[in-house]
Amino acid sequence: MMDPQVKELLEHWGLPAAGMLAVLAAGLYALARYRRFRARRLLIATVNRVGYETLINVMVPDGMDGYYHLDFLLLTQRGILIVDLRKNGGNVFGGDQMSEWAVMTRNRRYSFANPQQALYDRLAAVRRLAGDVPVEGRIVFTSRASFPKGMPKYVLMLESLGAEFAPVDKGAMAEHVEKFRSGWEQVKRHAGPSTHPSV
């Protein structure tokens, strides 16, 4: 029920209550979309800082007539990097030998499959295409997650990605990454747009 004073004010301005509520709802929807857009841009920019070139939301062949989705594939000063992005929020409990990892939030508890095995499969697929270019992978969680019992192997927080894979000075790095160019181009030739974009 609308406050009578608010209703009187809206009528004074010549705006019916339903119309004003529709305008307010449209404004809130637009604001929420804008915030999601900005958050996505910031996330992509943070990952891009460690790469000389980046592919986002791509599929690569698995070698058995199938494909693997990759959130990010980057050419870095260390070779090729696969980033498996995770947006889980809450306290994450996982280990290298656990088949499922648990997430606890204030309101619920849920589990998801250990992402390390999927990362190993993606690493094998990209290494098959990249030849002798080094290929690494990381499972990267946003700041919505925390690991109270420690992080498993190959897991990083988004804000730590730049510390492990030093931020790129693209001008200085251009010559350095040329030794990885042929393997990177081979991977790019086999990569196509993902049918299930997640970033």
Protein backbone atom coordinates (compact mmCIF):
# COMPACT_ATOMS: atom_id res chain seq x y z
CA MET A 1 0.00 0.00 0.00
CA MET A 2 1.40 3.38 -1.03
CA ASP A 3 1.92 6.07 1.58
CA PRO A 4 -0.92 8.66 1.20
CA GLN A 5 1.56 11.57 1.20
CA VAL A 6 3.60 9.96 -1.60
CA LYS A 7 0.41 9.31 -3.57
CA GLU A 8 -0.70 12.94 -3.12
CA LEU A 9 2.70 14.18 -4.26
CA LEU A 10 2.63 11.98 -7.37
CA GLU A 11 -0.87 13.18 -8.22
CA HIS A 12 0.28 16.78 -7.69
CA TRP A 13 3.00 16.18 -10.31
CA GLY A 14 0.39 14.65 -12.59
CA LEU A 15 1.88 11.17 -12.41
CA PRO A 16 -0.43 8.28 -11.58
CA ALA A 17 0.98 5.92 -8.97
CA ALA A 18 1.14 2.96 -11.38
CA GLY A 19 3.05 5.02 -13.94
CA MET A 20 5.56 6.23 -11.39
CA LEU A 21 6.10 2.71 -10.11
CA ALA A 22 6.70 1.52 -13.67
CA VAL A 23 9.28 4.27 -14.21
CA LEU A 24 10.95 3.40 -10.89
CA ALA A 25 11.03 -0.33 -11.72
CA ALA A 26 12.52 0.38 -15.16
CA GLY A 27 15.18 2.58 -13.56
CA LEU A 28 16.11 -0.08 -11.00
CA TYR A 29 16.31 -2.72 -13.73
CA ALA A 30 18.58 -0.49 -15.84
CA LEU A 31 20.80 0.20 -12.82
CA ALA A 32 21.14 -3.52 -12.05
CA ARG A 33 22.06 -4.27 -15.68
CA TYR A 34 24.63 -1.47 -15.67
CA ARG A 35 26.21 -2.80 -12.47
CA ARG A 36 26.47 -6.32 -13.96
CA PHE A 37 27.99 -4.84 -17.12
CA ARG A 38 30.59 -2.89 -15.12
CA ALA A 39 31.43 -5.90 -12.94
CA ARG A 40 31.93 -8.05 -16.07
CA ARG A 41 34.17 -5.40 -17.67
CA LEU A 42 36.27 -5.14 -14.50
CA LEU A 43 36.61 -8.93 -14.26
CA ILE A 44 37.70 -9.23 -17.92
CA ALA A 45 40.15 -6.34 -17.54
CA THR A 46 41.69 -7.98 -14.45
CA VAL A 47 42.29 -11.25 -16.31
CA ASN A 48 43.44 -9.48 -19.48
CA ARG A 49 46.22 -7.71 -17.56
CA VAL A 50 48.28 -10.91 -17.46
CA GLY A 51 47.88 -11.74 -21.14
CA TYR A 52 49.44 -10.40 -24.29
CA GLU A 53 46.44 -11.76 -26.21
CA THR A 54 43.20 -13.19 -24.85
CA LEU A 55 40.38 -15.41 -26.10
CA ILE A 56 37.17 -15.40 -24.05
CA ASN A 57 34.41 -18.04 -24.07
CA VAL A 58 35.86 -20.42 -26.64
CA MET A 59 35.60 -24.14 -27.42
CA VAL A 60 38.61 -26.33 -28.26
CA PRO A 61 38.49 -29.90 -29.58
CA ASP A 62 39.01 -32.61 -27.00
CA GLY A 63 40.60 -35.02 -29.50
CA MET A 64 37.61 -37.41 -29.37
CA ASP A 65 35.02 -35.62 -31.54
CA GLY A 66 33.95 -33.39 -28.67
CA TYR A 67 34.84 -29.94 -27.33
CA TYR A 68 35.81 -28.29 -24.08
CA HIS A 69 34.60 -24.84 -23.08
CA LEU A 70 37.31 -22.42 -21.90
CA ASP A 71 36.42 -19.24 -20.03
CA PHE A 72 39.75 -17.56 -20.82
CA LEU A 73 42.72 -18.60 -22.93
CA LEU A 74 45.70 -16.25 -22.71
CA LEU A 75 49.08 -15.87 -24.32
CA THR A 76 51.39 -14.84 -21.46
CA GLN A 77 55.11 -14.35 -20.98
CA ARG A 78 55.20 -17.93 -19.60
CA GLY A 79 53.30 -19.53 -22.49
CA ILE A 80 49.58 -20.27 -22.70
CA LEU A 81 47.31 -19.94 -19.68
CA ILE A 82 43.81 -21.42 -19.25
CA VAL A 83 41.65 -19.61 -16.69
CA ASP A 84 38.61 -21.49 -15.38
CA LEU A 85 36.60 -18.73 -13.71
CA ARG A 86 34.42 -19.54 -10.69
CA LYS A 87 31.84 -17.11 -9.30
CA ASN A 88 30.80 -19.19 -6.27
CA GLY A 89 30.19 -17.05 -3.20
CA GLY A 90 30.76 -18.14 0.37
CA ASN A 91 33.26 -20.32 2.21
CA VAL A 92 34.67 -22.97 -0.12
CA PHE A 93 36.03 -26.23 1.27
CA GLY A 94 37.91 -28.33 -1.24
CA GLY A 95 40.95 -30.53 -1.59
CA ASP A 96 42.99 -32.24 -4.28
CA GLN A 97 41.67 -35.68 -3.36
CA MET A 98 38.03 -34.70 -2.84
CA SER A 99 35.54 -35.56 -5.58
CA GLU A 100 33.23 -32.74 -4.51
CA TRP A 101 33.90 -29.33 -2.99
CA ALA A 102 31.46 -27.75 -0.55
CA VAL A 103 30.31 -24.14 -0.34
CA MET A 104 28.75 -22.70 2.79
CA THR A 105 26.94 -19.39 2.84
CA ARG A 106 24.78 -17.82 5.52
CA ASN A 107 21.65 -19.36 4.06
CA ARG A 108 22.66 -22.64 2.49
CA ARG A 109 25.20 -25.33 1.85
CA TYR A 110 25.83 -26.92 -1.55
CA SER A 111 28.52 -28.85 -3.37
CA PHE A 112 29.99 -28.97 -6.86
CA ALA A 113 32.34 -31.35 -8.65
CA ASN A 114 36.04 -30.88 -7.99
CA PRO A 115 37.05 -28.57 -10.90
CA GLN A 116 40.65 -29.82 -11.01
CA GLN A 117 39.84 -32.87 -13.17
CA ALA A 118 38.05 -30.71 -15.73
CA LEU A 119 41.07 -28.39 -15.75
CA TYR A 120 43.41 -31.35 -16.37
CA ASP A 121 41.27 -32.39 -19.35
CA ARG A 122 41.35 -28.86 -20.78
CA LEU A 123 45.12 -28.67 -20.26
CA ALA A 124 45.60 -31.92 -22.18
CA ALA A 125 43.43 -30.67 -25.06
CA VAL A 126 45.27 -27.36 -25.37
CA ARG A 127 48.72 -28.98 -24.99
CA ARG A 128 47.87 -31.33 -27.86
CA LEU A 129 47.25 -28.28 -30.07
CA ALA A 130 50.07 -26.07 -28.75
CA GLY A 131 52.98 -28.43 -29.45
CA ASP A 132 55.98 -27.61 -27.27
CA VAL A 133 54.62 -24.29 -25.96
CA PRO A 134 54.15 -24.42 -22.16
CA VAL A 135 50.48 -24.57 -21.13
CA GLU A 136 49.32 -23.85 -17.58
CA GLY A 137 45.89 -23.61 -16.01
CA ARG A 138 44.34 -21.99 -12.98
CA ILE A 139 40.92 -22.20 -11.33
CA VAL A 140 40.22 -18.59 -10.42
CA PHE A 141 37.63 -17.55 -7.85
CA THR A 142 36.28 -14.03 -7.48
CA SER A 143 36.39 -12.16 -4.18
CA ARG A 144 32.90 -13.50 -3.36
CA ALA A 145 34.60 -16.74 -2.25
CA SER A 146 36.99 -17.51 0.57
CA PHE A 147 38.97 -20.63 1.48
CA PRO A 148 39.11 -20.86 5.28
CA LYS A 149 41.00 -24.17 5.21
CA GLY A 150 43.43 -23.21 2.44
CA MET A 151 43.37 -23.39 -1.34
CA PRO A 152 43.86 -26.60 -3.33
CA LYS A 153 46.40 -26.96 -6.12
CA TYR A 154 45.94 -24.66 -9.15
CA VAL A 155 43.40 -22.48 -7.35
CA LEU A 156 43.84 -18.71 -7.17
CA MET A 157 41.81 -15.72 -6.16
CA LEU A 158 41.20 -13.23 -8.98
CA GLU A 159 43.18 -10.50 -7.25
CA SER A 160 46.21 -12.87 -6.98
CA LEU A 161 46.33 -13.69 -10.69
CA GLY A 162 48.53 -10.69 -11.45
CA ALA A 163 50.98 -11.64 -8.68
CA GLU A 164 51.58 -15.11 -10.11
CA PHE A 165 51.46 -14.11 -13.76
CA ALA A 166 53.09 -10.69 -13.69
CA PRO A 167 51.07 -7.89 -15.28
CA VAL A 168 51.94 -7.34 -18.88
CA ASP A 169 53.82 -4.44 -20.39
CA LYS A 170 52.67 -5.25 -23.90
CA GLY A 171 55.39 -3.19 -25.56
CA ALA A 172 58.23 -4.90 -23.68
CA MET A 173 56.59 -8.32 -23.92
CA ALA A 174 55.96 -8.41 -27.68
CA GLU A 175 59.40 -9.76 -28.50
CA HIS A 176 59.40 -12.18 -25.55
CA VAL A 177 56.18 -13.97 -26.51
CA GLU A 178 57.19 -14.50 -30.14
CA LYS A 179 58.75 -17.84 -29.17
CA PHE A 180 55.22 -19.01 -28.25
CA ARG A 181 53.56 -17.53 -31.34
CA SER A 182 53.35 -20.66 -33.53
CA GLY A 183 51.74 -22.77 -30.78
CA TRP A 184 49.34 -19.96 -29.87
CA GLU A 185 48.27 -19.48 -33.49
CA GLN A 186 47.70 -23.23 -33.81
CA VAL A 187 45.42 -23.16 -30.74
CA LYS A 188 43.59 -20.10 -32.10
CA ARG A 189 42.98 -21.87 -35.42
CA HIS A 190 41.19 -24.70 -33.64
CA ALA A 191 39.30 -22.51 -31.14
CA GLY A 192 35.76 -21.43 -31.92
CA PRO A 193 33.10 -19.42 -30.10
CA SER A 194 31.46 -21.23 -27.21
CA THR A 195 27.83 -22.19 -27.43
CA HIS A 196 27.59 -21.73 -23.64
CA PRO A 197 29.39 -18.47 -22.76
CA SER A 198 29.96 -18.14 -19.03
CA VAL A 199 31.93 -14.91 -18.75
